[in-house]
PDB file of N, CA and C in Angstrom:
ATOM      1  N   UNK A   1     -13.277  18.084 -19.378  1.00  0.00           N
ATOM      2  CA  UNK A   1     -13.161  17.065 -20.408  1.00  0.00           C
ATOM      3  C   UNK A   1     -12.248  17.561 -21.515  1.00  0.00           C
ATOM      4  N   UNK A   2     -11.637  16.624 -22.181  1.00  0.00           N
ATOM      5  CA  UNK A   2     -10.718  16.953 -23.256  1.00  0.00           C
ATOM      6  C   UNK A   2     -11.464  16.996 -24.582  1.00  0.00           C
ATOM      7  N   UNK A   3     -11.130  17.977 -25.404  1.00  0.00           N
ATOM      8  CA  UNK A   3     -11.728  18.069 -26.733  1.00  0.00           C
ATOM      9  C   UNK A   3     -11.183  16.940 -27.602  1.00  0.00           C
ATOM     10  N   UNK A   4     -12.078  16.253 -28.318  1.00  0.00           N
ATOM     11  CA  UNK A   4     -11.615  15.235 -29.242  1.00  0.00           C
ATOM     12  C   UNK A   4     -12.566  15.129 -30.412  1.00  0.00           C
ATOM     13  N   UNK A   5     -12.086  14.473 -31.473  1.00  0.00           N
ATOM     14  CA  UNK A   5     -12.878  14.272 -32.684  1.00  0.00           C
ATOM     15  C   UNK A   5     -12.516  12.924 -33.279  1.00  0.00           C
ATOM     16  N   UNK A   6     -13.445  12.364 -34.021  1.00  0.00           N
ATOM     17  CA  UNK A   6     -13.194  11.141 -34.775  1.00  0.00           C
ATOM     18  C   UNK A   6     -13.274  11.520 -36.241  1.00  0.00           C
ATOM     19  N   UNK A   7     -12.187  11.237 -36.978  1.00  0.00           N
ATOM     20  CA  UNK A   7     -12.140  11.576 -38.403  1.00  0.00           C
ATOM     21  C   UNK A   7     -12.031  10.306 -39.227  1.00  0.00           C
ATOM     22  N   UNK A   8     -12.342  10.448 -40.524  1.00  0.00           N
ATOM     23  CA  UNK A   8     -12.189   9.338 -41.462  1.00  0.00           C
ATOM     24  C   UNK A   8     -11.163   9.769 -42.500  1.00  0.00           C
ATOM     25  N   UNK A   9     -10.125   8.942 -42.687  1.00  0.00           N
ATOM     26  CA  UNK A   9      -9.097   9.183 -43.698  1.00  0.00           C
ATOM     27  C   UNK A   9      -8.921   7.890 -44.468  1.00  0.00           C
ATOM     28  N   UNK A  10      -9.406   7.857 -45.701  1.00  0.00           N
ATOM     29  CA  UNK A  10      -9.351   6.625 -46.480  1.00  0.00           C
ATOM     30  C   UNK A  10     -10.298   5.604 -45.878  1.00  0.00           C
ATOM     31  N   UNK A  11      -9.788   4.409 -45.605  1.00  0.00           N
ATOM     32  CA  UNK A  11     -10.600   3.351 -45.006  1.00  0.00           C
ATOM     33  C   UNK A  11     -10.482   3.315 -43.486  1.00  0.00           C
ATOM     34  N   UNK A  12      -9.672   4.204 -42.908  1.00  0.00           N
ATOM     35  CA  UNK A  12      -9.410   4.184 -41.482  1.00  0.00           C
ATOM     36  C   UNK A  12     -10.162   5.302 -40.765  1.00  0.00           C
ATOM     37  N   UNK A  13     -10.441   5.086 -39.489  1.00  0.00           N
ATOM     38  CA  UNK A  13     -11.016   6.110 -38.627  1.00  0.00           C
ATOM     39  C   UNK A  13     -10.041   6.334 -37.472  1.00  0.00           C
ATOM     40  N   UNK A  14      -9.835   7.605 -37.113  1.00  0.00           N
ATOM     41  CA  UNK A  14      -8.889   7.953 -36.069  1.00  0.00           C
ATOM     42  C   UNK A  14      -9.572   8.823 -35.020  1.00  0.00           C
ATOM     43  N   UNK A  15      -9.270   8.545 -33.750  1.00  0.00           N
ATOM     44  CA  UNK A  15      -9.738   9.370 -32.649  1.00  0.00           C
ATOM     45  C   UNK A  15      -8.602  10.330 -32.300  1.00  0.00           C
ATOM     46  N   UNK A  16      -8.866  11.629 -32.404  1.00  0.00           N
ATOM     47  CA  UNK A  16      -7.833  12.645 -32.207  1.00  0.00           C
ATOM     48  C   UNK A  16      -8.185  13.541 -31.034  1.00  0.00           C
ATOM     49  N   UNK A  17      -7.197  13.816 -30.189  1.00  0.00           N
ATOM     50  CA  UNK A  17      -7.358  14.769 -29.097  1.00  0.00           C
ATOM     51  C   UNK A  17      -6.455  15.956 -29.372  1.00  0.00           C
ATOM     52  N   UNK A  18      -6.868  17.105 -28.911  1.00  0.00           N
ATOM     53  CA  UNK A  18      -6.086  18.325 -29.117  1.00  0.00           C
ATOM     54  C   UNK A  18      -4.717  18.178 -28.460  1.00  0.00           C
ATOM     55  N   UNK A  19      -3.645  18.466 -29.218  1.00  0.00           N
ATOM     56  CA  UNK A  19      -2.282  18.368 -28.714  1.00  0.00           C
ATOM     57  C   UNK A  19      -1.665  16.989 -28.849  1.00  0.00           C
ATOM     58  N   UNK A  20      -2.399  16.004 -29.360  1.00  0.00           N
ATOM     59  CA  UNK A  20      -1.925  14.632 -29.474  1.00  0.00           C
ATOM     60  C   UNK A  20      -1.085  14.432 -30.736  1.00  0.00           C
ATOM     61  N   UNK A  21      -0.163  13.475 -30.688  1.00  0.00           N
ATOM     62  CA  UNK A  21       0.634  13.077 -31.845  1.00  0.00           C
ATOM     63  C   UNK A  21       0.075  11.772 -32.388  1.00  0.00           C
ATOM     64  N   UNK A  22       0.096  11.610 -33.719  1.00  0.00           N
ATOM     65  CA  UNK A  22      -0.458  10.414 -34.340  1.00  0.00           C
ATOM     66  C   UNK A  22       0.366  10.042 -35.555  1.00  0.00           C
ATOM     67  N   UNK A  23       0.653   8.735 -35.699  1.00  0.00           N
ATOM     68  CA  UNK A  23       1.322   8.218 -36.884  1.00  0.00           C
ATOM     69  C   UNK A  23       0.261   7.615 -37.785  1.00  0.00           C
ATOM     70  N   UNK A  24       0.223   8.048 -39.049  1.00  0.00           N
ATOM     71  CA  UNK A  24      -0.753   7.538 -39.996  1.00  0.00           C
ATOM     72  C   UNK A  24      -0.071   7.303 -41.335  1.00  0.00           C
ATOM     73  N   UNK A  25      -0.710   6.547 -42.247  1.00  0.00           N
ATOM     74  CA  UNK A  25      -0.101   6.313 -43.555  1.00  0.00           C
ATOM     75  C   UNK A  25       0.277   7.623 -44.238  1.00  0.00           C
ATOM     76  N   UNK A  26       1.282   7.547 -45.095  1.00  0.00           N
ATOM     77  CA  UNK A  26       1.908   8.722 -45.718  1.00  0.00           C
ATOM     78  C   UNK A  26       0.888   9.714 -46.255  1.00  0.00           C
ATOM     79  N   UNK A  27       1.073  10.985 -45.873  1.00  0.00           N
ATOM     80  CA  UNK A  27       0.238  12.091 -46.335  1.00  0.00           C
ATOM     81  C   UNK A  27       1.125  13.000 -47.176  1.00  0.00           C
ATOM     82  N   UNK A  28       0.636  13.411 -48.329  1.00  0.00           N
ATOM     83  CA  UNK A  28       1.392  14.329 -49.165  1.00  0.00           C
ATOM     84  C   UNK A  28       1.439  15.699 -48.502  1.00  0.00           C
ATOM     85  N   UNK A  29       2.622  16.278 -48.421  1.00  0.00           N
ATOM     86  CA  UNK A  29       2.779  17.596 -47.837  1.00  0.00           C
ATOM     87  C   UNK A  29       4.173  17.765 -47.278  1.00  0.00           C
ATOM     88  N   UNK A  30       4.574  19.003 -47.110  1.00  0.00           N
ATOM     89  CA  UNK A  30       5.896  19.308 -46.583  1.00  0.00           C
ATOM     90  C   UNK A  30       5.876  19.288 -45.061  1.00  0.00           C
ATOM     91  N   UNK A  31       7.050  19.050 -44.474  1.00  0.00           N
ATOM     92  CA  UNK A  31       7.192  19.078 -43.021  1.00  0.00           C
ATOM     93  C   UNK A  31       6.900  20.499 -42.539  1.00  0.00           C
ATOM     94  N   UNK A  32       6.226  20.614 -41.398  1.00  0.00           N
ATOM     95  CA  UNK A  32       5.802  21.875 -40.779  1.00  0.00           C
ATOM     96  C   UNK A  32       4.669  22.573 -41.541  1.00  0.00           C
ATOM     97  N   UNK A  33       4.040  21.899 -42.505  1.00  0.00           N
ATOM     98  CA  UNK A  33       2.888  22.501 -43.179  1.00  0.00           C
ATOM     99  C   UNK A  33       1.607  22.070 -42.469  1.00  0.00           C
ATOM    100  N   UNK A  34       0.561  22.861 -42.612  1.00  0.00           N
ATOM    101  CA  UNK A  34      -0.731  22.586 -41.981  1.00  0.00           C
ATOM    102  C   UNK A  34      -1.597  21.787 -42.953  1.00  0.00           C
ATOM    103  N   UNK A  35      -2.363  20.834 -42.401  1.00  0.00           N
ATOM    104  CA  UNK A  35      -3.344  20.094 -43.185  1.00  0.00           C
ATOM    105  C   UNK A  35      -4.664  20.131 -42.432  1.00  0.00           C
ATOM    106  N   UNK A  36      -5.762  20.003 -43.172  1.00  0.00           N
ATOM    107  CA  UNK A  36      -7.088  20.010 -42.564  1.00  0.00           C
ATOM    108  C   UNK A  36      -7.827  18.741 -42.945  1.00  0.00           C
ATOM    109  N   UNK A  37      -8.477  18.139 -41.975  1.00  0.00           N
ATOM    110  CA  UNK A  37      -9.342  16.994 -42.209  1.00  0.00           C
ATOM    111  C   UNK A  37     -10.779  17.478 -42.034  1.00  0.00           C
ATOM    112  N   UNK A  38     -11.561  17.417 -43.100  1.00  0.00           N
ATOM    113  CA  UNK A  38     -12.940  17.903 -43.030  1.00  0.00           C
ATOM    114  C   UNK A  38     -13.959  16.764 -42.958  1.00  0.00           C
ATOM    115  N   UNK A  39     -13.493  15.534 -43.029  1.00  0.00           N
ATOM    116  CA  UNK A  39     -14.374  14.371 -42.950  1.00  0.00           C
ATOM    117  C   UNK A  39     -14.484  13.948 -41.478  1.00  0.00           C
ATOM    118  N   UNK A  40     -15.164  14.774 -40.669  1.00  0.00           N
ATOM    119  CA  UNK A  40     -15.262  14.579 -39.226  1.00  0.00           C
ATOM    120  C   UNK A  40     -16.564  13.849 -38.908  1.00  0.00           C
ATOM    121  N   UNK A  41     -16.458  12.723 -38.210  1.00  0.00           N
ATOM    122  CA  UNK A  41     -17.626  11.899 -37.900  1.00  0.00           C
ATOM    123  C   UNK A  41     -18.263  12.259 -36.558  1.00  0.00           C
ATOM    124  N   UNK A  42     -17.447  12.730 -35.598  1.00  0.00           N
ATOM    125  CA  UNK A  42     -17.952  13.051 -34.263  1.00  0.00           C
ATOM    126  C   UNK A  42     -17.030  14.083 -33.627  1.00  0.00           C
ATOM    127  N   UNK A  43     -17.595  15.017 -32.890  1.00  0.00           N
ATOM    128  CA  UNK A  43     -16.785  15.963 -32.118  1.00  0.00           C
ATOM    129  C   UNK A  43     -17.325  16.060 -30.698  1.00  0.00           C
ATOM    130  N   UNK A  44     -16.419  16.301 -29.768  1.00  0.00           N
ATOM    131  CA  UNK A  44     -16.807  16.606 -28.397  1.00  0.00           C
ATOM    132  C   UNK A  44     -15.942  17.765 -27.935  1.00  0.00           C
ATOM    133  N   UNK A  45     -16.582  18.902 -27.736  1.00  0.00           N
ATOM    134  CA  UNK A  45     -15.891  20.096 -27.274  1.00  0.00           C
ATOM    135  C   UNK A  45     -16.583  20.530 -25.985  1.00  0.00           C
ATOM    136  N   UNK A  46     -15.862  20.436 -24.899  1.00  0.00           N
ATOM    137  CA  UNK A  46     -16.456  20.701 -23.582  1.00  0.00           C
ATOM    138  C   UNK A  46     -17.450  19.597 -23.254  1.00  0.00           C
ATOM    139  N   UNK A  47     -18.679  19.987 -22.960  1.00  0.00           N
ATOM    140  CA  UNK A  47     -19.726  19.004 -22.671  1.00  0.00           C
ATOM    141  C   UNK A  47     -20.620  18.759 -23.872  1.00  0.00           C
ATOM    142  N   UNK A  48     -20.363  19.438 -24.978  1.00  0.00           N
ATOM    143  CA  UNK A  48     -21.214  19.326 -26.165  1.00  0.00           C
ATOM    144  C   UNK A  48     -20.665  18.272 -27.124  1.00  0.00           C
ATOM    145  N   UNK A  49     -21.457  17.233 -27.369  1.00  0.00           N
ATOM    146  CA  UNK A  49     -21.087  16.163 -28.298  1.00  0.00           C
ATOM    147  C   UNK A  49     -21.959  16.268 -29.539  1.00  0.00           C
ATOM    148  N   UNK A  50     -21.313  16.238 -30.717  1.00  0.00           N
ATOM    149  CA  UNK A  50     -22.031  16.312 -31.987  1.00  0.00           C
ATOM    150  C   UNK A  50     -21.711  15.072 -32.803  1.00  0.00           C
ATOM    151  N   UNK A  51     -22.751  14.354 -33.185  1.00  0.00           N
ATOM    152  CA  UNK A  51     -22.593  13.150 -33.997  1.00  0.00           C
ATOM    153  C   UNK A  51     -23.027  13.478 -35.412  1.00  0.00           C
ATOM    154  N   UNK A  52     -22.194  13.141 -36.388  1.00  0.00           N
ATOM    155  CA  UNK A  52     -22.478  13.457 -37.783  1.00  0.00           C
ATOM    156  C   UNK A  52     -23.489  12.523 -38.402  1.00  0.00           C
ATOM    157  N   UNK A  53     -24.120  13.009 -39.470  1.00  0.00           N
ATOM    158  CA  UNK A  53     -25.125  12.230 -40.198  1.00  0.00           C
ATOM    159  C   UNK A  53     -24.818  12.224 -41.691  1.00  0.00           C
ATOM    160  N   UNK A  54     -23.803  11.690 -42.268  1.00  0.00           N
ATOM    161  CA  UNK A  54     -22.714  10.884 -41.692  1.00  0.00           C
ATOM    162  C   UNK A  54     -21.541  11.708 -41.180  1.00  0.00           C
ATOM    163  N   UNK A  55     -21.410  12.998 -41.589  1.00  0.00           N
ATOM    164  CA  UNK A  55     -20.315  13.821 -41.078  1.00  0.00           C
ATOM    165  C   UNK A  55     -20.884  15.060 -40.393  1.00  0.00           C
ATOM    166  N   UNK A  56     -20.085  15.676 -39.547  1.00  0.00           N
ATOM    167  CA  UNK A  56     -20.490  16.892 -38.847  1.00  0.00           C
ATOM    168  C   UNK A  56     -20.294  18.065 -39.803  1.00  0.00           C
ATOM    169  N   UNK A  57     -21.371  18.790 -40.077  1.00  0.00           N
ATOM    170  CA  UNK A  57     -21.318  19.904 -41.025  1.00  0.00           C
ATOM    171  C   UNK A  57     -20.472  21.037 -40.464  1.00  0.00           C
ATOM    172  N   UNK A  58     -19.523  21.516 -41.264  1.00  0.00           N
ATOM    173  CA  UNK A  58     -18.699  22.659 -40.887  1.00  0.00           C
ATOM    174  C   UNK A  58     -17.569  22.353 -39.927  1.00  0.00           C
ATOM    175  N   UNK A  59     -17.388  21.114 -39.531  1.00  0.00           N
ATOM    176  CA  UNK A  59     -16.322  20.773 -38.589  1.00  0.00           C
ATOM    177  C   UNK A  59     -15.052  20.413 -39.349  1.00  0.00           C
ATOM    178  N   UNK A  60     -13.913  20.747 -38.751  1.00  0.00           N
ATOM    179  CA  UNK A  60     -12.636  20.353 -39.336  1.00  0.00           C
ATOM    180  C   UNK A  60     -11.587  20.262 -38.241  1.00  0.00           C
ATOM    181  N   UNK A  61     -10.562  19.473 -38.514  1.00  0.00           N
ATOM    182  CA  UNK A  61      -9.458  19.283 -37.590  1.00  0.00           C
ATOM    183  C   UNK A  61      -8.202  19.786 -38.289  1.00  0.00           C
ATOM    184  N   UNK A  62      -7.497  20.710 -37.658  1.00  0.00           N
ATOM    185  CA  UNK A  62      -6.282  21.291 -38.231  1.00  0.00           C
ATOM    186  C   UNK A  62      -5.077  20.634 -37.566  1.00  0.00           C
ATOM    187  N   UNK A  63      -4.161  20.113 -38.390  1.00  0.00           N
ATOM    188  CA  UNK A  63      -2.990  19.401 -37.900  1.00  0.00           C
ATOM    189  C   UNK A  63      -1.729  19.941 -38.572  1.00  0.00           C
ATOM    190  N   UNK A  64      -0.585  19.661 -37.954  1.00  0.00           N
ATOM    191  CA  UNK A  64       0.714  20.024 -38.500  1.00  0.00           C
ATOM    192  C   UNK A  64       1.487  18.751 -38.789  1.00  0.00           C
ATOM    193  N   UNK A  65       2.105  18.665 -39.971  1.00  0.00           N
ATOM    194  CA  UNK A  65       2.955  17.524 -40.322  1.00  0.00           C
ATOM    195  C   UNK A  65       4.301  17.722 -39.643  1.00  0.00           C
ATOM    196  N   UNK A  66       4.715  16.748 -38.831  1.00  0.00           N
ATOM    197  CA  UNK A  66       5.977  16.859 -38.113  1.00  0.00           C
ATOM    198  C   UNK A  66       7.123  16.174 -38.844  1.00  0.00           C
ATOM    199  N   UNK A  67       6.884  14.957 -39.372  1.00  0.00           N
ATOM    200  CA  UNK A  67       7.943  14.270 -40.110  1.00  0.00           C
ATOM    201  C   UNK A  67       7.369  13.120 -40.911  1.00  0.00           C
ATOM    202  N   UNK A  68       8.137  12.703 -41.922  1.00  0.00           N
ATOM    203  CA  UNK A  68       7.844  11.518 -42.717  1.00  0.00           C
ATOM    204  C   UNK A  68       8.906  10.475 -42.362  1.00  0.00           C
ATOM    205  N   UNK A  69       8.482   9.236 -42.182  1.00  0.00           N
ATOM    206  CA  UNK A  69       9.440   8.186 -41.826  1.00  0.00           C
ATOM    207  C   UNK A  69       8.894   6.831 -42.232  1.00  0.00           C
ATOM    208  N   UNK A  70       9.713   5.810 -42.048  1.00  0.00           N
ATOM    209  CA  UNK A  70       9.304   4.447 -42.355  1.00  0.00           C
ATOM    210  C   UNK A  70       9.100   3.679 -41.060  1.00  0.00           C
ATOM    211  N   UNK A  71       8.047   2.862 -41.022  1.00  0.00           N
ATOM    212  CA  UNK A  71       7.721   2.095 -39.828  1.00  0.00           C
ATOM    213  C   UNK A  71       8.625   0.890 -39.660  1.00  0.00           C
ATOM    214  N   UNK A  72       8.304   0.063 -38.678  1.00  0.00           N
ATOM    215  CA  UNK A  72       9.088  -1.139 -38.431  1.00  0.00           C
ATOM    216  C   UNK A  72       8.906  -2.146 -39.554  1.00  0.00           C
ATOM    217  N   UNK A  73       9.912  -3.000 -39.728  1.00  0.00           N
ATOM    218  CA  UNK A  73       9.883  -3.970 -40.810  1.00  0.00           C
ATOM    219  C   UNK A  73       8.954  -5.134 -40.475  1.00  0.00           C
ATOM    220  N   UNK A  74       8.139  -5.504 -41.441  1.00  0.00           N
ATOM    221  CA  UNK A  74       7.284  -6.675 -41.357  1.00  0.00           C
ATOM    222  C   UNK A  74       7.922  -7.739 -42.241  1.00  0.00           C
ATOM    223  N   UNK A  75       8.211  -8.903 -41.688  1.00  0.00           N
ATOM    224  CA  UNK A  75       8.835  -9.969 -42.466  1.00  0.00           C
ATOM    225  C   UNK A  75       7.925 -11.186 -42.484  1.00  0.00           C
ATOM    226  N   UNK A  76       7.865 -11.829 -43.624  1.00  0.00           N
ATOM    227  CA  UNK A  76       7.047 -13.032 -43.770  1.00  0.00           C
ATOM    228  C   UNK A  76       7.756 -13.991 -44.710  1.00  0.00           C
ATOM    229  N   UNK A  77       7.278 -15.201 -44.746  1.00  0.00           N
ATOM    230  CA  UNK A  77       7.879 -16.188 -45.626  1.00  0.00           C
ATOM    231  C   UNK A  77       7.027 -17.440 -45.689  1.00  0.00           C
ATOM    232  N   UNK A  78       7.361 -18.280 -46.638  1.00  0.00           N
ATOM    233  CA  UNK A  78       6.681 -19.568 -46.745  1.00  0.00           C
ATOM    234  C   UNK A  78       7.678 -20.591 -47.270  1.00  0.00           C
ATOM    235  N   UNK A  79       7.388 -21.848 -47.017  1.00  0.00           N
ATOM    236  CA  UNK A  79       8.253 -22.902 -47.525  1.00  0.00           C
ATOM    237  C   UNK A  79       7.437 -24.170 -47.704  1.00  0.00           C
ATOM    238  N   UNK A  80       7.987 -25.052 -48.519  1.00  0.00           N
ATOM    239  CA  UNK A  80       7.379 -26.367 -48.703  1.00  0.00           C
ATOM    240  C   UNK A  80       8.400 -27.410 -48.281  1.00  0.00           C
ATOM    241  N   UNK A  81       7.966 -28.321 -47.456  1.00  0.00           N
ATOM    242  CA  UNK A  81       8.867 -29.336 -46.930  1.00  0.00           C
ATOM    243  C   UNK A  81       9.336 -30.281 -48.037  1.00  0.00           C
ATOM    244  N   UNK A  82      10.567 -30.711 -47.939  1.00  0.00           N
ATOM    245  CA  UNK A  82      11.165 -31.736 -48.802  1.00  0.00           C
ATOM    246  C   UNK A  82      11.282 -31.335 -50.267  1.00  0.00           C
ATOM    247  N   UNK A  83      11.102 -30.071 -50.603  1.00  0.00           N
ATOM    248  CA  UNK A  83      11.217 -29.683 -52.006  1.00  0.00           C
ATOM    249  C   UNK A  83      12.173 -28.508 -52.218  1.00  0.00           C
ATOM    250  N   UNK A  84      12.862 -28.084 -51.185  1.00  0.00           N
ATOM    251  CA  UNK A  84      13.823 -26.979 -51.243  1.00  0.00           C
ATOM    252  C   UNK A  84      13.201 -25.670 -51.728  1.00  0.00           C
ATOM    253  N   UNK A  85      11.940 -25.465 -51.426  1.00  0.00           N
ATOM    254  CA  UNK A  85      11.257 -24.231 -51.823  1.00  0.00           C
ATOM    255  C   UNK A  85      11.128 -23.324 -50.599  1.00  0.00           C
ATOM    256  N   UNK A  86      11.710 -22.126 -50.708  1.00  0.00           N
ATOM    257  CA  UNK A  86      11.595 -21.130 -49.653  1.00  0.00           C
ATOM    258  C   UNK A  86      11.450 -19.761 -50.300  1.00  0.00           C
ATOM    259  N   UNK A  87      10.576 -18.953 -49.724  1.00  0.00           N
ATOM    260  CA  UNK A  87      10.376 -17.603 -50.233  1.00  0.00           C
ATOM    261  C   UNK A  87      10.207 -16.681 -49.042  1.00  0.00           C
ATOM    262  N   UNK A  88      10.950 -15.577 -49.029  1.00  0.00           N
ATOM    263  CA  UNK A  88      10.854 -14.612 -47.944  1.00  0.00           C
ATOM    264  C   UNK A  88      10.688 -13.223 -48.530  1.00  0.00           C
ATOM    265  N   UNK A  89       9.982 -12.364 -47.781  1.00  0.00           N
ATOM    266  CA  UNK A  89       9.807 -10.988 -48.208  1.00  0.00           C
ATOM    267  C   UNK A  89       9.643 -10.122 -46.975  1.00  0.00           C
ATOM    268  N   UNK A  90       9.825  -8.835 -47.155  1.00  0.00           N
ATOM    269  CA  UNK A  90       9.678  -7.890 -46.064  1.00  0.00           C
ATOM    270  C   UNK A  90       9.030  -6.617 -46.571  1.00  0.00           C
ATOM    271  N   UNK A  91       8.547  -5.812 -45.638  1.00  0.00           N
ATOM    272  CA  UNK A  91       7.826  -4.601 -46.013  1.00  0.00           C
ATOM    273  C   UNK A  91       7.941  -3.592 -44.884  1.00  0.00           C
ATOM    274  N   UNK A  92       8.171  -2.324 -45.242  1.00  0.00           N
ATOM    275  CA  UNK A  92       8.161  -1.234 -44.265  1.00  0.00           C
ATOM    276  C   UNK A  92       7.199  -0.173 -44.758  1.00  0.00           C
ATOM    277  N   UNK A  93       6.221   0.159 -43.917  1.00  0.00           N
ATOM    278  CA  UNK A  93       5.199   1.121 -44.309  1.00  0.00           C
ATOM    279  C   UNK A  93       5.729   2.544 -44.223  1.00  0.00           C
ATOM    280  N   UNK A  94       5.347   3.369 -45.194  1.00  0.00           N
ATOM    281  CA  UNK A  94       5.676   4.794 -45.195  1.00  0.00           C
ATOM    282  C   UNK A  94       4.657   5.509 -44.304  1.00  0.00           C
ATOM    283  N   UNK A  95       5.133   6.227 -43.279  1.00  0.00           N
ATOM    284  CA  UNK A  95       4.259   6.856 -42.306  1.00  0.00           C
ATOM    285  C   UNK A  95       4.517   8.361 -42.210  1.00  0.00           C
ATOM    286  N   UNK A  96       3.544   9.069 -41.666  1.00  0.00           N
ATOM    287  CA  UNK A  96       3.658  10.496 -41.391  1.00  0.00           C
ATOM    288  C   UNK A  96       3.209  10.740 -39.956  1.00  0.00           C
ATOM    289  N   UNK A  97       4.008  11.492 -39.206  1.00  0.00           N
ATOM    290  CA  UNK A  97       3.622  11.859 -37.837  1.00  0.00           C
ATOM    291  C   UNK A  97       3.013  13.260 -37.873  1.00  0.00           C
ATOM    292  N   UNK A  98       1.810  13.379 -37.273  1.00  0.00           N
ATOM    293  CA  UNK A  98       1.123  14.670 -37.243  1.00  0.00           C
ATOM    294  C   UNK A  98       0.836  15.062 -35.796  1.00  0.00           C
ATOM    295  N   UNK A  99       0.633  16.363 -35.583  1.00  0.00           N
ATOM    296  CA  UNK A  99       0.220  16.899 -34.276  1.00  0.00           C
ATOM    297  C   UNK A  99      -1.107  17.614 -34.474  1.00  0.00           C
ATOM    298  N   UNK A 100      -2.083  17.326 -33.631  1.00  0.00           N
ATOM    299  CA  UNK A 100      -3.397  17.953 -33.708  1.00  0.00           C
ATOM    300  C   UNK A 100      -3.312  19.323 -33.055  1.00  0.00           C
ATOM    301  N   UNK A 101      -3.576  20.383 -33.844  1.00  0.00           N
ATOM    302  CA  UNK A 101      -3.481  21.747 -33.319  1.00  0.00           C
ATOM    303  C   UNK A 101      -4.821  22.249 -32.800  1.00  0.00           C
ATOM    304  N   UNK A 102      -5.873  22.070 -33.585  1.00  0.00           N
ATOM    305  CA  UNK A 102      -7.188  22.536 -33.128  1.00  0.00           C
ATOM    306  C   UNK A 102      -8.303  21.755 -33.768  1.00  0.00           C
ATOM    307  N   UNK A 103      -9.415  21.700 -33.044  1.00  0.00           N
ATOM    308  CA  UNK A 103     -10.650  21.056 -33.527  1.00  0.00           C
ATOM    309  C   UNK A 103     -11.691  22.150 -33.625  1.00  0.00           C
ATOM    310  N   UNK A 104     -12.171  22.404 -34.829  1.00  0.00           N
ATOM    311  CA  UNK A 104     -13.083  23.516 -35.067  1.00  0.00           C
ATOM    312  C   UNK A 104     -14.449  23.027 -35.488  1.00  0.00           C
ATOM    313  N   UNK A 105     -15.487  23.693 -35.000  1.00  0.00           N
ATOM    314  CA  UNK A 105     -16.853  23.453 -35.443  1.00  0.00           C
ATOM    315  C   UNK A 105     -17.454  24.801 -35.817  1.00  0.00           C
ATOM    316  N   UNK A 106     -18.661  24.781 -36.345  1.00  0.00           N
ATOM    317  CA  UNK A 106     -19.314  26.030 -36.733  1.00  0.00           C
ATOM    318  C   UNK A 106     -19.510  26.953 -35.567  1.00  0.00           C
TER     319      UNK A 106
END
């Protein structure tokens, strides 16, 4: 079985496997620096599964920041018929790509 963990970052929860790449909202930090997530909700290492109450005590996930980039453009708009009213806007989310290096428990 593959080692994996479920972490909480802000309002989101992510399922991470060792060696996996993940794009998530912008994280402060330099490229090639290590970050740790200590808000771990569940871990599975080998056949041992640990469920947190609400978090797993002493567990952490160590990741490396690979790059910062902007996601795809989201475009939206609205209009009102017969009144020449049109409004358009767009948005590109700031993202960070990370690589999961290790999942540690006590």
